[in-house]
Amino acid sequence: MYTEAYELLREILDDEALNDYVFRETGKHLAVIDAGAQITTPSAKITFSGGEISQSDNVMQIANYNIAFVLPSWSADALSKSHEFLDVAVKAFFEHEMRDNPVRINRVLRISPSIIEEGEESELWTVAFDVAVSIFID
């Protein structure tokens, strides 16, 4: 259940178009931070933010995650570049799915993006996504 949702998110973060974009814009590879305090940019941090499971609805449930991309500043056009990154990332989120049979498909159901300027002195921007992933109860 949750393992499959996490594996789906990792697959999305390994998306070739997404990683090519990050490398082209920053000159660095995207680092995935999923444990410990490792700070580097550009990076993506995955956190589990919950979801409700009930036995009465024992087929598809929803797990919620937050994925925050910390990106180095793109100077004067940073907000524009953050929107450009949104376009690339949203496409990656909705292109991937995990299927173990024709009915049980784990996929991103919906996302809620945000762009946060970390401050003038830090020169970092965070592009974050609240992500709802379908999971199936065995």
N, C-alpha and C. Protein backbone atom coordinates (compact mmCIF):
# COMPACT_ATOMS: atom_id res chain seq x y z
N MET A 1 0.82 -1.19 0.00
CA MET A 1 0.00 0.00 0.00
C MET A 1 0.87 1.26 0.00
N TYR A 2 1.36 1.63 1.17
CA TYR A 2 2.15 2.85 1.29
C TYR A 2 3.50 2.72 0.58
N THR A 3 4.05 1.53 0.63
CA THR A 3 5.32 1.29 -0.06
C THR A 3 5.17 1.55 -1.55
N GLU A 4 4.07 1.10 -2.12
CA GLU A 4 3.82 1.32 -3.55
C GLU A 4 3.64 2.80 -3.86
N ALA A 5 2.96 3.53 -2.97
CA ALA A 5 2.79 4.98 -3.18
C ALA A 5 4.14 5.68 -3.15
N TYR A 6 4.97 5.31 -2.20
CA TYR A 6 6.30 5.91 -2.09
C TYR A 6 7.15 5.57 -3.33
N GLU A 7 7.09 4.32 -3.77
CA GLU A 7 7.83 3.92 -4.96
C GLU A 7 7.37 4.70 -6.19
N LEU A 8 6.09 4.96 -6.29
CA LEU A 8 5.57 5.77 -7.39
C LEU A 8 6.15 7.17 -7.35
N LEU A 9 6.18 7.77 -6.17
CA LEU A 9 6.74 9.12 -6.04
C LEU A 9 8.23 9.15 -6.38
N ARG A 10 8.96 8.13 -5.96
CA ARG A 10 10.38 8.06 -6.32
C ARG A 10 10.56 7.92 -7.82
N GLU A 11 9.69 7.14 -8.46
CA GLU A 11 9.74 7.00 -9.92
C GLU A 11 9.51 8.35 -10.59
N ILE A 12 8.56 9.11 -10.07
CA ILE A 12 8.28 10.44 -10.62
C ILE A 12 9.50 11.34 -10.46
N LEU A 13 10.16 11.28 -9.31
CA LEU A 13 11.33 12.12 -9.08
C LEU A 13 12.52 11.70 -9.94
N ASP A 14 12.47 10.49 -10.47
CA ASP A 14 13.51 10.02 -11.40
C ASP A 14 13.13 10.31 -12.85
N ASP A 15 12.01 10.97 -13.08
CA ASP A 15 11.53 11.27 -14.42
C ASP A 15 12.63 11.96 -15.23
N GLU A 16 12.87 11.47 -16.42
CA GLU A 16 13.96 11.98 -17.25
C GLU A 16 13.77 13.45 -17.63
N ALA A 17 12.57 13.81 -18.06
CA ALA A 17 12.32 15.21 -18.46
C ALA A 17 12.48 16.15 -17.28
N LEU A 18 12.00 15.75 -16.12
CA LEU A 18 12.12 16.57 -14.92
C LEU A 18 13.59 16.77 -14.55
N ASN A 19 14.35 15.68 -14.54
CA ASN A 19 15.77 15.77 -14.18
C ASN A 19 16.59 16.50 -15.24
N ASP A 20 16.25 16.33 -16.50
CA ASP A 20 16.95 17.06 -17.56
C ASP A 20 16.72 18.56 -17.40
N TYR A 21 15.49 18.94 -17.06
CA TYR A 21 15.18 20.36 -16.87
C TYR A 21 16.01 20.94 -15.72
N VAL A 22 16.01 20.23 -14.59
CA VAL A 22 16.76 20.72 -13.42
C VAL A 22 18.24 20.86 -13.76
N PHE A 23 18.80 19.86 -14.43
CA PHE A 23 20.22 19.92 -14.76
C PHE A 23 20.52 21.05 -15.75
N ARG A 24 19.66 21.20 -16.74
CA ARG A 24 19.85 22.26 -17.74
C ARG A 24 19.81 23.64 -17.10
N GLU A 25 18.92 23.85 -16.13
CA GLU A 25 18.75 25.16 -15.52
C GLU A 25 19.75 25.45 -14.40
N THR A 26 20.22 24.40 -13.71
CA THR A 26 21.08 24.63 -12.55
C THR A 26 22.51 24.13 -12.73
N GLY A 27 22.71 23.23 -13.70
CA GLY A 27 24.02 22.63 -13.87
C GLY A 27 24.32 21.54 -12.85
N LYS A 28 23.31 21.17 -12.07
CA LYS A 28 23.48 20.14 -11.04
C LYS A 28 22.34 19.14 -11.14
N HIS A 29 22.59 17.93 -10.64
CA HIS A 29 21.57 16.90 -10.61
C HIS A 29 20.66 17.08 -9.40
N LEU A 30 19.41 16.69 -9.55
CA LEU A 30 18.44 16.76 -8.46
C LEU A 30 18.77 15.70 -7.41
N ALA A 31 18.90 16.11 -6.15
CA ALA A 31 19.11 15.18 -5.05
C ALA A 31 17.78 14.93 -4.37
N VAL A 32 17.48 13.68 -4.05
CA VAL A 32 16.24 13.34 -3.35
C VAL A 32 16.57 13.13 -1.89
N ILE A 33 15.90 13.91 -1.05
CA ILE A 33 16.12 13.83 0.39
C ILE A 33 14.90 13.16 1.00
N ASP A 34 15.08 11.93 1.46
CA ASP A 34 13.95 11.23 2.08
C ASP A 34 14.29 10.70 3.46
N ALA A 35 15.45 11.07 3.98
CA ALA A 35 15.82 10.71 5.35
C ALA A 35 16.99 11.57 5.79
N GLY A 36 16.98 11.95 7.04
CA GLY A 36 18.11 12.69 7.59
C GLY A 36 18.15 14.14 7.14
N ALA A 37 19.04 14.89 7.73
CA ALA A 37 19.16 16.32 7.44
C ALA A 37 20.27 16.54 6.43
N GLN A 38 19.96 16.33 5.17
CA GLN A 38 20.92 16.53 4.10
C GLN A 38 20.45 17.72 3.29
N ILE A 39 21.18 18.80 3.33
CA ILE A 39 20.76 19.99 2.61
C ILE A 39 21.68 20.22 1.43
N THR A 40 21.11 20.22 0.27
CA THR A 40 21.82 20.49 -0.96
C THR A 40 20.81 21.05 -1.95
N THR A 41 21.27 21.76 -2.93
CA THR A 41 20.35 22.22 -3.97
C THR A 41 20.95 21.88 -5.32
N PRO A 42 20.15 21.59 -6.27
CA PRO A 42 18.70 21.43 -6.18
C PRO A 42 18.34 20.11 -5.51
N SER A 43 17.24 20.11 -4.79
CA SER A 43 16.83 18.90 -4.09
C SER A 43 15.32 18.79 -4.03
N ALA A 44 14.86 17.58 -3.76
CA ALA A 44 13.44 17.31 -3.55
C ALA A 44 13.32 16.54 -2.25
N LYS A 45 12.45 16.99 -1.37
CA LYS A 45 12.24 16.32 -0.09
C LYS A 45 10.83 15.75 -0.05
N ILE A 46 10.72 14.47 0.27
CA ILE A 46 9.43 13.79 0.37
C ILE A 46 9.05 13.66 1.84
N THR A 47 7.83 14.08 2.17
CA THR A 47 7.30 13.83 3.51
C THR A 47 5.90 13.25 3.38
N PHE A 48 5.58 12.34 4.27
CA PHE A 48 4.24 11.75 4.32
C PHE A 48 3.38 12.65 5.19
N SER A 49 2.23 13.06 4.69
CA SER A 49 1.40 13.98 5.46
C SER A 49 0.06 13.39 5.87
N GLY A 50 -0.16 12.11 5.65
CA GLY A 50 -1.36 11.47 6.17
C GLY A 50 -2.26 10.88 5.12
N GLY A 51 -3.47 10.68 5.53
CA GLY A 51 -4.48 10.03 4.70
C GLY A 51 -5.38 9.25 5.62
N GLU A 52 -6.57 9.03 5.20
CA GLU A 52 -7.53 8.31 6.04
C GLU A 52 -7.80 6.95 5.44
N ILE A 53 -7.74 5.92 6.30
CA ILE A 53 -7.98 4.55 5.88
C ILE A 53 -9.16 4.02 6.70
N SER A 54 -10.09 3.40 6.02
CA SER A 54 -11.19 2.76 6.76
C SER A 54 -11.46 1.39 6.17
N GLN A 55 -11.92 0.48 7.00
CA GLN A 55 -12.23 -0.87 6.52
C GLN A 55 -13.50 -0.89 5.69
N SER A 56 -14.38 0.07 5.91
CA SER A 56 -15.62 0.06 5.14
C SER A 56 -15.38 0.38 3.67
N ASP A 57 -14.34 1.11 3.39
CA ASP A 57 -13.96 1.42 2.01
C ASP A 57 -12.65 0.72 1.72
N ASN A 58 -12.71 -0.62 1.59
CA ASN A 58 -11.47 -1.38 1.56
C ASN A 58 -10.89 -1.60 0.17
N VAL A 59 -11.16 -0.72 -0.75
CA VAL A 59 -10.57 -0.87 -2.07
C VAL A 59 -9.53 0.22 -2.25
N MET A 60 -9.92 1.37 -2.75
CA MET A 60 -8.96 2.45 -2.98
C MET A 60 -9.02 3.45 -1.84
N GLN A 61 -7.85 3.83 -1.37
CA GLN A 61 -7.72 4.86 -0.35
C GLN A 61 -6.78 5.92 -0.89
N ILE A 62 -6.62 7.01 -0.14
CA ILE A 62 -5.75 8.09 -0.58
C ILE A 62 -4.68 8.33 0.48
N ALA A 63 -3.44 8.39 0.03
CA ALA A 63 -2.32 8.76 0.88
C ALA A 63 -1.83 10.13 0.44
N ASN A 64 -1.52 10.99 1.39
CA ASN A 64 -1.09 12.35 1.08
C ASN A 64 0.39 12.52 1.40
N TYR A 65 1.08 13.15 0.47
CA TYR A 65 2.50 13.43 0.62
C TYR A 65 2.74 14.89 0.27
N ASN A 66 3.88 15.39 0.73
CA ASN A 66 4.34 16.70 0.32
C ASN A 66 5.70 16.50 -0.32
N ILE A 67 5.88 17.06 -1.49
CA ILE A 67 7.18 17.03 -2.15
C ILE A 67 7.59 18.47 -2.36
N ALA A 68 8.70 18.84 -1.74
CA ALA A 68 9.20 20.21 -1.83
C ALA A 68 10.52 20.21 -2.58
N PHE A 69 10.54 20.91 -3.70
CA PHE A 69 11.76 21.08 -4.49
C PHE A 69 12.41 22.38 -4.06
N VAL A 70 13.65 22.31 -3.60
CA VAL A 70 14.40 23.52 -3.25
C VAL A 70 15.36 23.77 -4.40
N LEU A 71 15.19 24.94 -5.01
CA LEU A 71 15.94 25.27 -6.22
C LEU A 71 16.73 26.54 -6.02
N PRO A 72 17.93 26.60 -6.58
CA PRO A 72 18.72 27.83 -6.47
C PRO A 72 18.05 28.94 -7.27
N SER A 73 18.28 30.15 -6.86
CA SER A 73 17.67 31.31 -7.50
C SER A 73 18.06 31.41 -8.96
N TRP A 74 17.10 31.86 -9.77
CA TRP A 74 17.36 32.13 -11.17
C TRP A 74 17.41 33.63 -11.39
N SER A 75 17.91 34.35 -10.44
CA SER A 75 18.06 35.82 -10.45
C SER A 75 16.75 36.53 -10.74
N ALA A 76 16.75 37.48 -11.62
CA ALA A 76 15.60 38.35 -11.83
C ALA A 76 14.38 37.59 -12.36
N ASP A 77 14.59 36.48 -13.05
CA ASP A 77 13.45 35.75 -13.60
C ASP A 77 13.11 34.50 -12.78
N ALA A 78 13.43 34.52 -11.49
CA ALA A 78 13.21 33.34 -10.63
C ALA A 78 11.75 32.93 -10.55
N LEU A 79 10.84 33.87 -10.41
CA LEU A 79 9.43 33.50 -10.32
C LEU A 79 8.95 32.91 -11.64
N SER A 80 9.37 33.49 -12.74
CA SER A 80 9.02 32.96 -14.06
C SER A 80 9.58 31.55 -14.24
N LYS A 81 10.84 31.35 -13.84
CA LYS A 81 11.46 30.03 -13.95
C LYS A 81 10.78 29.02 -13.03
N SER A 82 10.30 29.47 -11.87
CA SER A 82 9.57 28.57 -10.96
C SER A 82 8.27 28.11 -11.61
N HIS A 83 7.60 29.01 -12.31
CA HIS A 83 6.38 28.63 -13.04
C HIS A 83 6.71 27.67 -14.18
N GLU A 84 7.81 27.90 -14.84
CA GLU A 84 8.26 26.99 -15.90
C GLU A 84 8.52 25.61 -15.31
N PHE A 85 9.16 25.56 -14.13
CA PHE A 85 9.40 24.29 -13.46
C PHE A 85 8.08 23.61 -13.10
N LEU A 86 7.09 24.38 -12.65
CA LEU A 86 5.76 23.82 -12.36
C LEU A 86 5.22 23.07 -13.57
N ASP A 87 5.32 23.69 -14.75
CA ASP A 87 4.81 23.05 -15.97
C ASP A 87 5.47 21.70 -16.21
N VAL A 88 6.78 21.62 -16.02
CA VAL A 88 7.51 20.37 -16.23
C VAL A 88 7.12 19.35 -15.16
N ALA A 89 7.09 19.77 -13.90
CA ALA A 89 6.81 18.85 -12.79
C ALA A 89 5.39 18.32 -12.83
N VAL A 90 4.42 19.18 -13.11
CA VAL A 90 3.01 18.73 -13.16
C VAL A 90 2.85 17.64 -14.21
N LYS A 91 3.46 17.82 -15.35
CA LYS A 91 3.40 16.81 -16.41
C LYS A 91 3.99 15.49 -15.91
N ALA A 92 5.13 15.55 -15.22
CA ALA A 92 5.75 14.33 -14.69
C ALA A 92 4.85 13.63 -13.68
N PHE A 93 4.21 14.40 -12.80
CA PHE A 93 3.33 13.80 -11.79
C PHE A 93 2.19 13.01 -12.43
N PHE A 94 1.63 13.52 -13.50
CA PHE A 94 0.47 12.87 -14.08
C PHE A 94 0.79 11.86 -15.18
N GLU A 95 2.05 11.75 -15.58
CA GLU A 95 2.42 10.76 -16.59
C GLU A 95 2.76 9.39 -16.02
N HIS A 96 3.02 9.31 -14.72
CA HIS A 96 3.45 8.05 -14.12
C HIS A 96 2.32 7.38 -13.36
N GLU A 97 2.29 6.06 -13.48
CA GLU A 97 1.36 5.26 -12.67
C GLU A 97 1.96 3.88 -12.48
N MET A 98 1.52 3.21 -11.43
CA MET A 98 1.96 1.84 -11.16
C MET A 98 0.73 0.95 -11.24
N ARG A 99 0.84 -0.12 -12.02
CA ARG A 99 -0.31 -0.99 -12.26
C ARG A 99 0.11 -2.42 -11.95
N ASP A 100 -0.60 -3.04 -10.99
CA ASP A 100 -0.31 -4.45 -10.75
C ASP A 100 -1.40 -5.35 -11.30
N ASN A 101 -2.51 -4.78 -11.73
CA ASN A 101 -3.53 -5.48 -12.52
C ASN A 101 -4.43 -4.41 -13.14
N PRO A 102 -5.35 -4.77 -14.03
CA PRO A 102 -6.13 -3.74 -14.74
C PRO A 102 -6.97 -2.83 -13.84
N VAL A 103 -7.30 -3.30 -12.65
CA VAL A 103 -8.16 -2.51 -11.76
C VAL A 103 -7.36 -1.70 -10.76
N ARG A 104 -6.29 -2.27 -10.24
CA ARG A 104 -5.50 -1.64 -9.18
C ARG A 104 -4.39 -0.79 -9.77
N ILE A 105 -4.67 0.47 -9.95
CA ILE A 105 -3.69 1.39 -10.51
C ILE A 105 -3.36 2.44 -9.46
N ASN A 106 -2.10 2.50 -9.06
CA ASN A 106 -1.66 3.57 -8.17
C ASN A 106 -1.21 4.74 -9.02
N ARG A 107 -1.78 5.89 -8.75
CA ARG A 107 -1.43 7.07 -9.53
C ARG A 107 -1.66 8.31 -8.68
N VAL A 108 -1.11 9.41 -9.15
CA VAL A 108 -1.36 10.69 -8.52
C VAL A 108 -2.76 11.12 -8.93
N LEU A 109 -3.60 11.37 -7.94
CA LEU A 109 -4.98 11.77 -8.22
C LEU A 109 -5.11 13.27 -8.37
N ARG A 110 -4.40 14.00 -7.50
CA ARG A 110 -4.46 15.47 -7.57
C ARG A 110 -3.22 16.04 -6.88
N ILE A 111 -2.88 17.24 -7.30
CA ILE A 111 -1.77 17.95 -6.68
C ILE A 111 -2.18 19.40 -6.43
N SER A 112 -1.55 19.98 -5.46
CA SER A 112 -1.76 21.39 -5.15
C SER A 112 -0.38 22.04 -5.05
N PRO A 113 0.03 22.78 -6.08
CA PRO A 113 1.37 23.36 -6.07
C PRO A 113 1.43 24.72 -5.39
N SER A 114 2.62 25.07 -4.94
CA SER A 114 2.87 26.40 -4.40
C SER A 114 4.31 26.78 -4.69
N ILE A 115 4.55 28.08 -4.76
CA ILE A 115 5.89 28.61 -4.98
C ILE A 115 6.21 29.55 -3.82
N ILE A 116 7.37 29.33 -3.19
CA ILE A 116 7.75 30.11 -2.02
C ILE A 116 9.14 30.68 -2.22
N GLU A 117 9.27 31.98 -2.12
CA GLU A 117 10.59 32.61 -2.15
C GLU A 117 11.13 32.54 -0.73
N GLU A 118 12.27 31.90 -0.55
CA GLU A 118 12.81 31.66 0.78
C GLU A 118 13.39 32.92 1.42
N GLY A 119 13.56 33.95 0.69
CA GLY A 119 14.11 35.19 1.23
C GLY A 119 15.19 35.73 0.32
N GLU A 120 15.34 37.01 0.32
CA GLU A 120 16.30 37.65 -0.57
C GLU A 120 17.73 37.20 -0.31
N GLU A 121 18.06 36.96 0.94
CA GLU A 121 19.44 36.60 1.28
C GLU A 121 19.76 35.15 0.95
N SER A 122 18.77 34.26 0.99
CA SER A 122 19.07 32.84 0.78
C SER A 122 19.19 32.48 -0.70
N GLU A 123 18.57 33.24 -1.58
CA GLU A 123 18.58 32.97 -3.02
C GLU A 123 18.05 31.58 -3.35
N LEU A 124 17.14 31.07 -2.55
CA LEU A 124 16.52 29.77 -2.82
C LEU A 124 15.03 29.96 -3.02
N TRP A 125 14.47 29.13 -3.87
CA TRP A 125 13.03 29.09 -4.11
C TRP A 125 12.56 27.67 -3.83
N THR A 126 11.38 27.54 -3.22
CA THR A 126 10.78 26.23 -2.99
C THR A 126 9.54 26.12 -3.85
N VAL A 127 9.49 25.07 -4.64
CA VAL A 127 8.29 24.74 -5.41
C VAL A 127 7.77 23.46 -4.78
N ALA A 128 6.63 23.57 -4.09
CA ALA A 128 6.12 22.45 -3.31
C ALA A 128 4.82 21.93 -3.90
N PHE A 129 4.58 20.65 -3.69
CA PHE A 129 3.37 20.01 -4.16
C PHE A 129 2.76 19.18 -3.04
N ASP A 130 1.50 19.45 -2.69
CA ASP A 130 0.74 18.52 -1.87
C ASP A 130 0.17 17.52 -2.86
N VAL A 131 0.47 16.24 -2.64
CA VAL A 131 0.15 15.19 -3.61
C VAL A 131 -0.76 14.15 -2.99
N ALA A 132 -1.87 13.86 -3.66
CA ALA A 132 -2.78 12.78 -3.23
C ALA A 132 -2.55 11.59 -4.16
N VAL A 133 -2.17 10.44 -3.57
CA VAL A 133 -1.86 9.24 -4.33
C VAL A 133 -2.88 8.16 -3.99
N SER A 134 -3.38 7.45 -5.00
CA SER A 134 -4.29 6.34 -4.75
C SER A 134 -3.48 5.13 -4.27
N ILE A 135 -4.01 4.48 -3.24
CA ILE A 135 -3.40 3.22 -2.76
C ILE A 135 -4.54 2.21 -2.59
N PHE A 136 -4.20 0.94 -2.61
CA PHE A 136 -5.19 -0.10 -2.48
C PHE A 136 -4.92 -0.95 -1.25
N ILE A 137 -5.96 -1.22 -0.51
CA ILE A 137 -5.85 -2.02 0.71
C ILE A 137 -5.90 -3.49 0.31
N ASP A 138 -4.92 -4.25 0.78
CA ASP A 138 -4.88 -5.69 0.48
C ASP A 138 -5.74 -6.46 1.44
